[in-house]
Amino acid sequence: MFDLREMIAPYRSLVRGTPEQFEREHGEVSWSCFAFDSAPAHGRLGLNFDTEANSDIIVERFAKNGPAWFGEDSVGRFNNNCADFSYCRYCDVYLAEEWVEPWEADSPFRYIDLYGNSRSVNQEESGSEGFNSIIFSVLTRIRDLELDWVRSNSRNRASPARFGIQMCDSKFEDFTLL
């Protein structure tokens, strides 16, 4: 059975290793956003970095389209579309075997949530958003567990900076200030 709790440790390691590797490879880059980008139904999980300069360009380009085209929080507007990040898919992990095969093999999809409870989702009723919601809960937990670590261990982080989650073609998105 698909157990969300088993994802916590390896994805926490991924979060810790990715900024360290990025900063070793791009020591001159000051990043302003670090974000998960995921398409669970396609078995894809990415980690991305954006810069303040790129974010400003993207916000300026799409501002005329309205607030659905950028992120905004207490410190201002920012690029919240991982596909437009300076370092989009900097780290890409393909999880077809781990994610897609179980999702497609079991109808309804049965899984164990982060609290150890057995759950199920009817794929026909929920579509890919059903799976997005499941993976979003895991990524949100990981982000929240790793916020302090990223704050403390990022040498090239701009101020302000954000740590986000964006599910591809989905309503599920959340960015938090670091």
N, C-alpha and C. Protein backbone atom coordinates (compact mmCIF):
# COMPACT_ATOMS: atom_id res chain seq x y z
N MET A 1 0.85 -1.18 0.00
CA MET A 1 0.00 0.00 0.00
C MET A 1 0.90 1.24 0.00
N PHE A 2 0.45 2.28 -0.62
CA PHE A 2 1.15 3.56 -0.76
C PHE A 2 1.14 4.25 0.61
N ASP A 3 2.29 4.33 1.24
CA ASP A 3 2.39 4.89 2.59
C ASP A 3 3.14 6.23 2.53
N LEU A 4 2.43 7.31 2.75
CA LEU A 4 3.03 8.64 2.67
C LEU A 4 4.16 8.84 3.66
N ARG A 5 4.09 8.19 4.79
CA ARG A 5 5.12 8.36 5.83
C ARG A 5 6.49 7.91 5.34
N GLU A 6 6.53 6.95 4.41
CA GLU A 6 7.79 6.45 3.89
C GLU A 6 8.50 7.46 2.98
N MET A 7 7.79 8.50 2.56
CA MET A 7 8.38 9.51 1.69
C MET A 7 9.13 10.60 2.46
N ILE A 8 8.83 10.74 3.72
CA ILE A 8 9.36 11.86 4.49
C ILE A 8 10.89 11.85 4.53
N ALA A 9 11.52 10.79 4.97
CA ALA A 9 12.98 10.78 5.14
C ALA A 9 13.73 10.99 3.82
N PRO A 10 13.41 10.25 2.75
CA PRO A 10 14.19 10.48 1.52
C PRO A 10 13.99 11.86 0.91
N TYR A 11 12.79 12.41 1.01
CA TYR A 11 12.55 13.72 0.42
C TYR A 11 13.14 14.83 1.28
N ARG A 12 13.23 14.60 2.59
CA ARG A 12 13.95 15.56 3.44
C ARG A 12 15.42 15.59 3.06
N SER A 13 15.99 14.44 2.80
CA SER A 13 17.39 14.37 2.35
C SER A 13 17.57 15.09 1.03
N LEU A 14 16.62 14.93 0.14
CA LEU A 14 16.66 15.61 -1.15
C LEU A 14 16.65 17.12 -0.95
N VAL A 15 15.80 17.61 -0.06
CA VAL A 15 15.73 19.05 0.22
C VAL A 15 17.06 19.54 0.78
N ARG A 16 17.68 18.80 1.64
CA ARG A 16 18.95 19.24 2.23
C ARG A 16 20.09 19.18 1.22
N GLY A 17 20.13 18.18 0.39
CA GLY A 17 21.22 18.03 -0.55
C GLY A 17 21.16 18.99 -1.73
N THR A 18 19.97 19.35 -2.15
CA THR A 18 19.84 20.16 -3.37
C THR A 18 20.38 21.58 -3.22
N PRO A 19 20.03 22.34 -2.19
CA PRO A 19 20.63 23.68 -2.06
C PRO A 19 22.15 23.63 -1.89
N GLU A 20 22.64 22.64 -1.17
CA GLU A 20 24.09 22.51 -1.01
C GLU A 20 24.77 22.31 -2.35
N GLN A 21 24.22 21.41 -3.18
CA GLN A 21 24.79 21.15 -4.50
C GLN A 21 24.67 22.38 -5.39
N PHE A 22 23.50 23.01 -5.37
CA PHE A 22 23.28 24.19 -6.20
C PHE A 22 24.30 25.29 -5.85
N GLU A 23 24.49 25.53 -4.57
CA GLU A 23 25.40 26.59 -4.14
C GLU A 23 26.86 26.25 -4.45
N ARG A 24 27.22 24.97 -4.45
CA ARG A 24 28.57 24.57 -4.87
C ARG A 24 28.76 24.84 -6.37
N GLU A 25 27.75 24.50 -7.16
CA GLU A 25 27.85 24.65 -8.61
C GLU A 25 27.64 26.08 -9.09
N HIS A 26 26.87 26.85 -8.34
CA HIS A 26 26.52 28.22 -8.75
C HIS A 26 26.80 29.19 -7.61
N GLY A 27 28.02 29.19 -7.14
CA GLY A 27 28.40 30.00 -5.98
C GLY A 27 28.17 31.49 -6.14
N GLU A 28 28.10 31.96 -7.37
CA GLU A 28 27.90 33.39 -7.64
C GLU A 28 26.41 33.78 -7.67
N VAL A 29 25.53 32.79 -7.63
CA VAL A 29 24.09 33.06 -7.76
C VAL A 29 23.44 33.22 -6.39
N SER A 30 22.74 34.32 -6.22
CA SER A 30 21.94 34.54 -5.02
C SER A 30 20.51 34.16 -5.38
N TRP A 31 20.01 33.11 -4.76
CA TRP A 31 18.67 32.64 -5.11
C TRP A 31 17.62 33.22 -4.18
N SER A 32 16.44 33.46 -4.74
CA SER A 32 15.35 34.08 -3.96
C SER A 32 14.17 33.14 -3.74
N CYS A 33 14.16 32.03 -4.45
CA CYS A 33 13.07 31.07 -4.25
C CYS A 33 13.58 29.67 -4.54
N PHE A 34 13.20 28.75 -3.69
CA PHE A 34 13.52 27.33 -3.79
C PHE A 34 12.17 26.65 -3.74
N ALA A 35 11.85 25.80 -4.72
CA ALA A 35 10.49 25.26 -4.74
C ALA A 35 10.42 23.85 -5.31
N PHE A 36 9.54 23.06 -4.70
CA PHE A 36 9.13 21.79 -5.29
C PHE A 36 8.21 22.09 -6.46
N ASP A 37 8.36 21.33 -7.51
CA ASP A 37 7.47 21.37 -8.67
C ASP A 37 7.14 19.92 -8.94
N SER A 38 5.85 19.57 -8.92
CA SER A 38 5.51 18.17 -9.02
C SER A 38 4.31 17.93 -9.93
N ALA A 39 4.38 16.82 -10.64
CA ALA A 39 3.27 16.32 -11.45
C ALA A 39 3.12 14.84 -11.07
N PRO A 40 2.43 14.55 -9.98
CA PRO A 40 2.35 13.18 -9.48
C PRO A 40 1.84 12.15 -10.50
N ALA A 41 0.83 12.49 -11.26
CA ALA A 41 0.27 11.53 -12.22
C ALA A 41 1.26 11.18 -13.33
N HIS A 42 2.31 12.00 -13.46
CA HIS A 42 3.37 11.72 -14.44
C HIS A 42 4.65 11.23 -13.77
N GLY A 43 4.62 11.11 -12.45
CA GLY A 43 5.77 10.61 -11.72
C GLY A 43 6.96 11.55 -11.68
N ARG A 44 6.69 12.86 -11.64
CA ARG A 44 7.79 13.82 -11.67
C ARG A 44 7.79 14.69 -10.43
N LEU A 45 8.98 14.83 -9.86
CA LEU A 45 9.21 15.72 -8.72
C LEU A 45 10.48 16.49 -9.01
N GLY A 46 10.39 17.79 -8.99
CA GLY A 46 11.56 18.63 -9.25
C GLY A 46 11.79 19.61 -8.12
N LEU A 47 13.03 20.07 -8.04
CA LEU A 47 13.39 21.17 -7.15
C LEU A 47 14.01 22.25 -8.02
N ASN A 48 13.58 23.47 -7.81
CA ASN A 48 13.90 24.58 -8.69
C ASN A 48 14.38 25.78 -7.89
N PHE A 49 15.15 26.64 -8.57
CA PHE A 49 15.65 27.87 -7.94
C PHE A 49 15.33 29.05 -8.86
N ASP A 50 14.96 30.16 -8.25
CA ASP A 50 14.77 31.38 -9.01
C ASP A 50 15.63 32.47 -8.38
N THR A 51 15.90 33.49 -9.18
CA THR A 51 16.64 34.65 -8.70
C THR A 51 15.69 35.84 -8.63
N GLU A 52 16.05 36.80 -7.84
CA GLU A 52 15.22 38.00 -7.71
C GLU A 52 15.10 38.73 -9.05
N ALA A 53 16.19 38.82 -9.81
CA ALA A 53 16.15 39.51 -11.10
C ALA A 53 15.19 38.83 -12.06
N ASN A 54 15.26 37.50 -12.14
CA ASN A 54 14.35 36.78 -13.03
C ASN A 54 12.91 36.91 -12.54
N SER A 55 12.71 36.80 -11.25
CA SER A 55 11.37 36.91 -10.68
C SER A 55 10.75 38.27 -11.02
N ASP A 56 11.54 39.33 -10.90
CA ASP A 56 11.04 40.68 -11.22
C ASP A 56 10.63 40.78 -12.68
N ILE A 57 11.42 40.18 -13.57
CA ILE A 57 11.09 40.20 -15.00
C ILE A 57 9.79 39.46 -15.27
N ILE A 58 9.63 38.30 -14.66
CA ILE A 58 8.41 37.50 -14.87
C ILE A 58 7.19 38.23 -14.33
N VAL A 59 7.30 38.79 -13.13
CA VAL A 59 6.16 39.52 -12.55
C VAL A 59 5.80 40.70 -13.44
N GLU A 60 6.78 41.45 -13.89
CA GLU A 60 6.51 42.60 -14.76
C GLU A 60 5.83 42.16 -16.06
N ARG A 61 6.30 41.07 -16.62
CA ARG A 61 5.74 40.57 -17.88
C ARG A 61 4.27 40.16 -17.74
N PHE A 62 3.92 39.54 -16.60
CA PHE A 62 2.57 39.00 -16.46
C PHE A 62 1.65 39.81 -15.56
N ALA A 63 2.13 40.90 -14.98
CA ALA A 63 1.31 41.70 -14.06
C ALA A 63 0.02 42.18 -14.70
N LYS A 64 0.07 42.49 -15.98
CA LYS A 64 -1.13 42.99 -16.67
C LYS A 64 -2.24 41.95 -16.73
N ASN A 65 -1.89 40.67 -16.55
CA ASN A 65 -2.88 39.59 -16.60
C ASN A 65 -3.62 39.41 -15.28
N GLY A 66 -3.16 40.07 -14.23
CA GLY A 66 -3.84 40.00 -12.95
C GLY A 66 -3.14 39.09 -11.95
N PRO A 67 -3.65 39.08 -10.72
CA PRO A 67 -2.98 38.41 -9.61
C PRO A 67 -2.88 36.88 -9.73
N ALA A 68 -3.64 36.27 -10.60
CA ALA A 68 -3.51 34.82 -10.78
C ALA A 68 -2.22 34.45 -11.50
N TRP A 69 -1.49 35.45 -12.01
CA TRP A 69 -0.31 35.20 -12.83
C TRP A 69 1.00 35.38 -12.07
N PHE A 70 0.94 35.65 -10.78
CA PHE A 70 2.14 35.80 -9.97
C PHE A 70 1.76 35.56 -8.52
N GLY A 71 2.77 35.39 -7.68
CA GLY A 71 2.52 35.24 -6.25
C GLY A 71 2.66 36.58 -5.57
N GLU A 72 2.05 36.70 -4.42
CA GLU A 72 2.18 37.93 -3.63
C GLU A 72 2.04 37.58 -2.16
N ASP A 73 2.93 38.14 -1.35
CA ASP A 73 2.87 37.94 0.09
C ASP A 73 3.18 39.25 0.79
N SER A 74 3.48 39.21 2.05
CA SER A 74 3.67 40.43 2.84
C SER A 74 4.87 41.27 2.40
N VAL A 75 5.80 40.70 1.66
CA VAL A 75 6.97 41.47 1.22
C VAL A 75 6.95 41.79 -0.27
N GLY A 76 5.90 41.39 -0.96
CA GLY A 76 5.78 41.78 -2.36
C GLY A 76 5.40 40.67 -3.30
N ARG A 77 5.47 41.01 -4.57
CA ARG A 77 5.13 40.08 -5.65
C ARG A 77 6.36 39.25 -6.02
N PHE A 78 6.08 38.04 -6.51
CA PHE A 78 7.17 37.15 -6.91
C PHE A 78 6.68 36.16 -7.96
N ASN A 79 7.62 35.60 -8.68
CA ASN A 79 7.33 34.57 -9.67
C ASN A 79 7.00 33.28 -8.93
N ASN A 80 5.79 32.79 -9.10
CA ASN A 80 5.38 31.55 -8.44
C ASN A 80 5.17 30.42 -9.44
N ASN A 81 5.72 30.56 -10.64
CA ASN A 81 5.59 29.53 -11.66
C ASN A 81 6.95 28.88 -11.89
N CYS A 82 7.13 27.69 -11.34
CA CYS A 82 8.43 27.01 -11.42
C CYS A 82 8.93 26.86 -12.85
N ALA A 83 8.03 26.75 -13.81
CA ALA A 83 8.45 26.62 -15.22
C ALA A 83 9.19 27.86 -15.70
N ASP A 84 8.97 28.99 -15.04
CA ASP A 84 9.65 30.24 -15.41
C ASP A 84 10.83 30.57 -14.51
N PHE A 85 11.20 29.69 -13.61
CA PHE A 85 12.33 29.94 -12.71
C PHE A 85 13.64 29.96 -13.50
N SER A 86 14.62 30.66 -12.99
CA SER A 86 15.95 30.72 -13.61
C SER A 86 16.56 29.34 -13.75
N TYR A 87 16.37 28.51 -12.74
CA TYR A 87 16.91 27.15 -12.74
C TYR A 87 15.76 26.17 -12.56
N CYS A 88 14.92 26.12 -13.58
CA CYS A 88 13.76 25.22 -13.59
C CYS A 88 14.26 23.78 -13.70
N ARG A 89 13.70 22.93 -12.89
CA ARG A 89 14.06 21.51 -12.87
C ARG A 89 15.55 21.31 -12.65
N TYR A 90 16.09 22.11 -11.77
CA TYR A 90 17.50 21.95 -11.42
C TYR A 90 17.75 20.50 -10.97
N CYS A 91 16.87 20.00 -10.15
CA CYS A 91 16.94 18.61 -9.71
C CYS A 91 15.61 17.97 -10.09
N ASP A 92 15.66 16.93 -10.91
CA ASP A 92 14.44 16.24 -11.32
C ASP A 92 14.53 14.78 -10.91
N VAL A 93 13.48 14.30 -10.28
CA VAL A 93 13.41 12.91 -9.85
C VAL A 93 12.19 12.30 -10.55
N TYR A 94 12.41 11.16 -11.18
CA TYR A 94 11.31 10.48 -11.87
C TYR A 94 10.86 9.31 -11.01
N LEU A 95 9.58 9.32 -10.68
CA LEU A 95 9.03 8.38 -9.73
C LEU A 95 7.87 7.57 -10.32
N ALA A 96 7.97 7.22 -11.58
CA ALA A 96 6.87 6.49 -12.23
C ALA A 96 6.57 5.19 -11.50
N GLU A 97 7.61 4.45 -11.16
CA GLU A 97 7.40 3.18 -10.47
C GLU A 97 6.81 3.39 -9.08
N GLU A 98 7.31 4.39 -8.37
CA GLU A 98 6.86 4.63 -7.00
C GLU A 98 5.50 5.31 -6.92
N TRP A 99 5.18 6.17 -7.88
CA TRP A 99 3.94 6.95 -7.82
C TRP A 99 2.90 6.50 -8.84
N VAL A 100 3.26 6.51 -10.10
CA VAL A 100 2.28 6.30 -11.17
C VAL A 100 1.73 4.88 -11.17
N GLU A 101 2.61 3.90 -11.06
CA GLU A 101 2.14 2.52 -11.09
C GLU A 101 1.13 2.22 -9.99
N PRO A 102 1.39 2.60 -8.73
CA PRO A 102 0.36 2.35 -7.71
C PRO A 102 -0.94 3.13 -7.97
N TRP A 103 -0.82 4.37 -8.44
CA TRP A 103 -1.99 5.20 -8.72
C TRP A 103 -2.86 4.56 -9.79
N GLU A 104 -2.24 4.01 -10.81
CA GLU A 104 -2.99 3.42 -11.92
C GLU A 104 -3.44 1.99 -11.64
N ALA A 105 -2.80 1.30 -10.71
CA ALA A 105 -3.09 -0.11 -10.46
C ALA A 105 -4.24 -0.35 -9.51
N ASP A 106 -4.57 0.60 -8.70
CA ASP A 106 -5.53 0.38 -7.61
C ASP A 106 -6.69 1.35 -7.74
N SER A 107 -7.89 0.82 -7.97
CA SER A 107 -9.07 1.69 -8.08
C SER A 107 -10.15 1.17 -7.14
N PRO A 108 -10.56 1.93 -6.14
CA PRO A 108 -10.02 3.23 -5.80
C PRO A 108 -8.59 3.12 -5.26
N PHE A 109 -7.89 4.25 -5.32
CA PHE A 109 -6.51 4.30 -4.85
C PHE A 109 -6.51 4.30 -3.33
N ARG A 110 -5.80 3.33 -2.76
CA ARG A 110 -5.72 3.21 -1.31
C ARG A 110 -4.32 3.62 -0.85
N TYR A 111 -4.28 4.36 0.25
CA TYR A 111 -3.00 4.82 0.77
C TYR A 111 -3.09 5.04 2.27
N ILE A 112 -1.93 5.18 2.88
CA ILE A 112 -1.85 5.50 4.31
C ILE A 112 -1.39 6.95 4.41
N ASP A 113 -2.16 7.77 5.10
CA ASP A 113 -1.83 9.20 5.19
C ASP A 113 -0.69 9.44 6.18
N LEU A 114 -0.33 10.68 6.36
CA LEU A 114 0.79 11.05 7.22
C LEU A 114 0.58 10.73 8.69
N TYR A 115 -0.66 10.44 9.08
CA TYR A 115 -0.98 10.13 10.47
C TYR A 115 -1.20 8.63 10.69
N GLY A 116 -0.96 7.82 9.64
CA GLY A 116 -1.11 6.38 9.76
C GLY A 116 -2.51 5.86 9.48
N ASN A 117 -3.40 6.71 9.01
CA ASN A 117 -4.77 6.31 8.72
C ASN A 117 -4.90 5.79 7.29
N SER A 118 -5.67 4.73 7.11
CA SER A 118 -5.95 4.21 5.77
C SER A 118 -6.98 5.11 5.09
N ARG A 119 -6.70 5.46 3.85
CA ARG A 119 -7.58 6.34 3.08
C ARG A 119 -7.75 5.77 1.68
N SER A 120 -8.74 6.28 0.96
CA SER A 120 -8.89 5.92 -0.44
C SER A 120 -9.42 7.12 -1.21
N VAL A 121 -9.07 7.13 -2.50
CA VAL A 121 -9.50 8.19 -3.41
C VAL A 121 -10.02 7.52 -4.67
N ASN A 122 -11.17 7.94 -5.10
CA ASN A 122 -11.72 7.43 -6.35
C ASN A 122 -11.13 8.27 -7.49
N GLN A 123 -10.31 7.63 -8.32
CA GLN A 123 -9.63 8.35 -9.39
C GLN A 123 -10.60 8.95 -10.40
N GLU A 124 -11.68 8.24 -10.70
CA GLU A 124 -12.64 8.77 -11.68
C GLU A 124 -13.30 10.04 -11.19
N GLU A 125 -13.59 10.11 -9.91
CA GLU A 125 -14.23 11.30 -9.35
C GLU A 125 -13.25 12.45 -9.14
N SER A 126 -12.03 12.14 -8.68
CA SER A 126 -11.09 13.20 -8.31
C SER A 126 -10.12 13.58 -9.42
N GLY A 127 -9.90 12.71 -10.38
CA GLY A 127 -8.93 12.98 -11.44
C GLY A 127 -7.54 13.19 -10.87
N SER A 128 -6.69 13.85 -11.61
CA SER A 128 -5.31 14.05 -11.16
C SER A 128 -5.23 14.95 -9.93
N GLU A 129 -6.24 15.80 -9.70
CA GLU A 129 -6.23 16.65 -8.50
C GLU A 129 -6.31 15.82 -7.23
N GLY A 130 -6.94 14.66 -7.31
CA GLY A 130 -6.96 13.77 -6.15
C GLY A 130 -5.57 13.32 -5.76
N PHE A 131 -4.78 12.94 -6.77
CA PHE A 131 -3.40 12.53 -6.51
C PHE A 131 -2.55 13.73 -6.13
N ASN A 132 -2.78 14.87 -6.78
CA ASN A 132 -2.05 16.09 -6.42
C ASN A 132 -2.24 16.42 -4.94
N SER A 133 -3.46 16.29 -4.45
CA SER A 133 -3.73 16.63 -3.05
C SER A 133 -2.96 15.71 -2.10
N ILE A 134 -2.82 14.45 -2.47
CA ILE A 134 -2.10 13.50 -1.62
C ILE A 134 -0.62 13.86 -1.56
N ILE A 135 -0.01 14.06 -2.70
CA ILE A 135 1.43 14.38 -2.75
C ILE A 135 1.69 15.77 -2.19
N PHE A 136 0.77 16.71 -2.42
CA PHE A 136 0.92 18.06 -1.86
C PHE A 136 1.03 18.00 -0.34
N SER A 137 0.25 17.14 0.29
CA SER A 137 0.31 17.04 1.75
C SER A 137 1.69 16.59 2.21
N VAL A 138 2.31 15.67 1.48
CA VAL A 138 3.66 15.20 1.83
C VAL A 138 4.68 16.32 1.63
N LEU A 139 4.62 16.99 0.48
CA LEU A 139 5.59 18.04 0.18
C LEU A 139 5.45 19.21 1.14
N THR A 140 4.24 19.52 1.55
CA THR A 140 4.02 20.59 2.52
C THR A 140 4.64 20.22 3.86
N ARG A 141 4.45 18.99 4.28
CA ARG A 141 5.05 18.53 5.54
C ARG A 141 6.57 18.63 5.48
N ILE A 142 7.15 18.17 4.37
CA ILE A 142 8.60 18.21 4.23
C ILE A 142 9.11 19.64 4.25
N ARG A 143 8.44 20.50 3.49
CA ARG A 143 8.84 21.91 3.47
C ARG A 143 8.80 22.49 4.88
N ASP A 144 7.74 22.23 5.60
CA ASP A 144 7.60 22.78 6.95
C ASP A 144 8.66 22.22 7.90
N LEU A 145 9.00 20.94 7.75
CA LEU A 145 10.04 20.33 8.59
C LEU A 145 11.43 20.88 8.27
N GLU A 146 11.64 21.30 7.03
CA GLU A 146 12.97 21.72 6.59
C GLU A 146 13.16 23.24 6.51
N LEU A 147 12.14 24.02 6.83
CA LEU A 147 12.28 25.48 6.76
C LEU A 147 13.47 26.00 7.55
N ASP A 148 13.58 25.61 8.79
CA ASP A 148 14.68 26.10 9.63
C ASP A 148 16.03 25.66 9.10
N TRP A 149 16.11 24.42 8.60
CA TRP A 149 17.38 23.93 8.06
C TRP A 149 17.78 24.76 6.84
N VAL A 150 16.85 25.02 5.94
CA VAL A 150 17.16 25.80 4.74
C VAL A 150 17.56 27.22 5.15
N ARG A 151 16.84 27.81 6.09
CA ARG A 151 17.20 29.15 6.58
C ARG A 151 18.63 29.19 7.11
N SER A 152 18.98 28.20 7.90
CA SER A 152 20.28 28.19 8.58
C SER A 152 21.45 27.78 7.70
N ASN A 153 21.20 27.03 6.65
CA ASN A 153 22.29 26.44 5.90
C ASN A 153 22.44 26.93 4.47
N SER A 154 21.69 27.92 4.09
CA SER A 154 21.79 28.46 2.73
C SER A 154 22.69 29.68 2.74
N ARG A 155 23.83 29.55 2.10
CA ARG A 155 24.81 30.65 2.08
C ARG A 155 24.42 31.73 1.07
N ASN A 156 23.80 31.34 -0.02
CA ASN A 156 23.54 32.28 -1.12
C ASN A 156 22.07 32.65 -1.25
N ARG A 157 21.37 32.65 -0.15
CA ARG A 157 19.95 32.97 -0.16
C ARG A 157 19.78 34.49 -0.11
N ALA A 158 18.96 35.00 -1.01
CA ALA A 158 18.63 36.42 -1.01
C ALA A 158 17.66 36.72 0.13
N SER A 159 17.44 37.98 0.36
CA SER A 159 16.44 38.39 1.34
C SER A 159 15.55 39.44 0.69
N PRO A 160 14.28 39.19 0.56
CA PRO A 160 13.56 38.02 1.06
C PRO A 160 13.75 36.81 0.16
N ALA A 161 13.45 35.65 0.71
CA ALA A 161 13.48 34.41 -0.05
C ALA A 161 12.28 33.56 0.37
N ARG A 162 11.94 32.63 -0.50
CA ARG A 162 10.77 31.79 -0.27
C ARG A 162 11.10 30.33 -0.52
N PHE A 163 10.30 29.47 0.10
CA PHE A 163 10.38 28.02 -0.12
C PHE A 163 8.95 27.62 -0.48
N GLY A 164 8.78 27.09 -1.68
CA GLY A 164 7.44 26.83 -2.16
C GLY A 164 7.19 25.44 -2.67
N ILE A 165 5.91 25.23 -2.99
CA ILE A 165 5.44 23.99 -3.58
C ILE A 165 4.45 24.38 -4.66
N GLN A 166 4.63 23.81 -5.85
CA GLN A 166 3.69 24.04 -6.94
C GLN A 166 3.41 22.70 -7.60
N MET A 167 2.15 22.36 -7.67
CA MET A 167 1.73 21.16 -8.39
C MET A 167 1.37 21.59 -9.81
N CYS A 168 1.97 20.95 -10.79
CA CYS A 168 1.79 21.32 -12.19
C CYS A 168 0.32 21.26 -12.60
N ASP A 169 -0.16 22.33 -13.23
CA ASP A 169 -1.54 22.42 -13.71
C ASP A 169 -2.55 22.08 -12.62
N SER A 170 -2.38 22.70 -11.46
CA SER A 170 -3.19 22.37 -10.30
C SER A 170 -3.47 23.61 -9.47
N LYS A 171 -4.49 23.52 -8.64
CA LYS A 171 -4.79 24.59 -7.69
C LYS A 171 -3.86 24.53 -6.48
N PHE A 172 -3.14 23.41 -6.32
CA PHE A 172 -2.32 23.23 -5.13
C PHE A 172 -0.97 23.93 -5.29
N GLU A 173 -0.79 24.97 -4.46
CA GLU A 173 0.42 25.78 -4.49
C GLU A 173 0.54 26.48 -3.14
N ASP A 174 1.77 26.59 -2.66
CA ASP A 174 1.97 27.32 -1.41
C ASP A 174 3.43 27.73 -1.31
N PHE A 175 3.66 29.01 -1.03
CA PHE A 175 5.01 29.55 -0.87
C PHE A 175 5.09 30.21 0.50
N THR A 176 6.19 29.94 1.20
CA THR A 176 6.41 30.47 2.53
C THR A 176 7.71 31.27 2.55
N LEU A 177 7.68 32.38 3.25
CA LEU A 177 8.91 33.17 3.40
C LEU A 177 9.93 32.42 4.26
N LEU A 178 11.17 32.54 3.87
CA LEU A 178 12.25 31.94 4.67
C LEU A 178 12.79 32.97 5.66
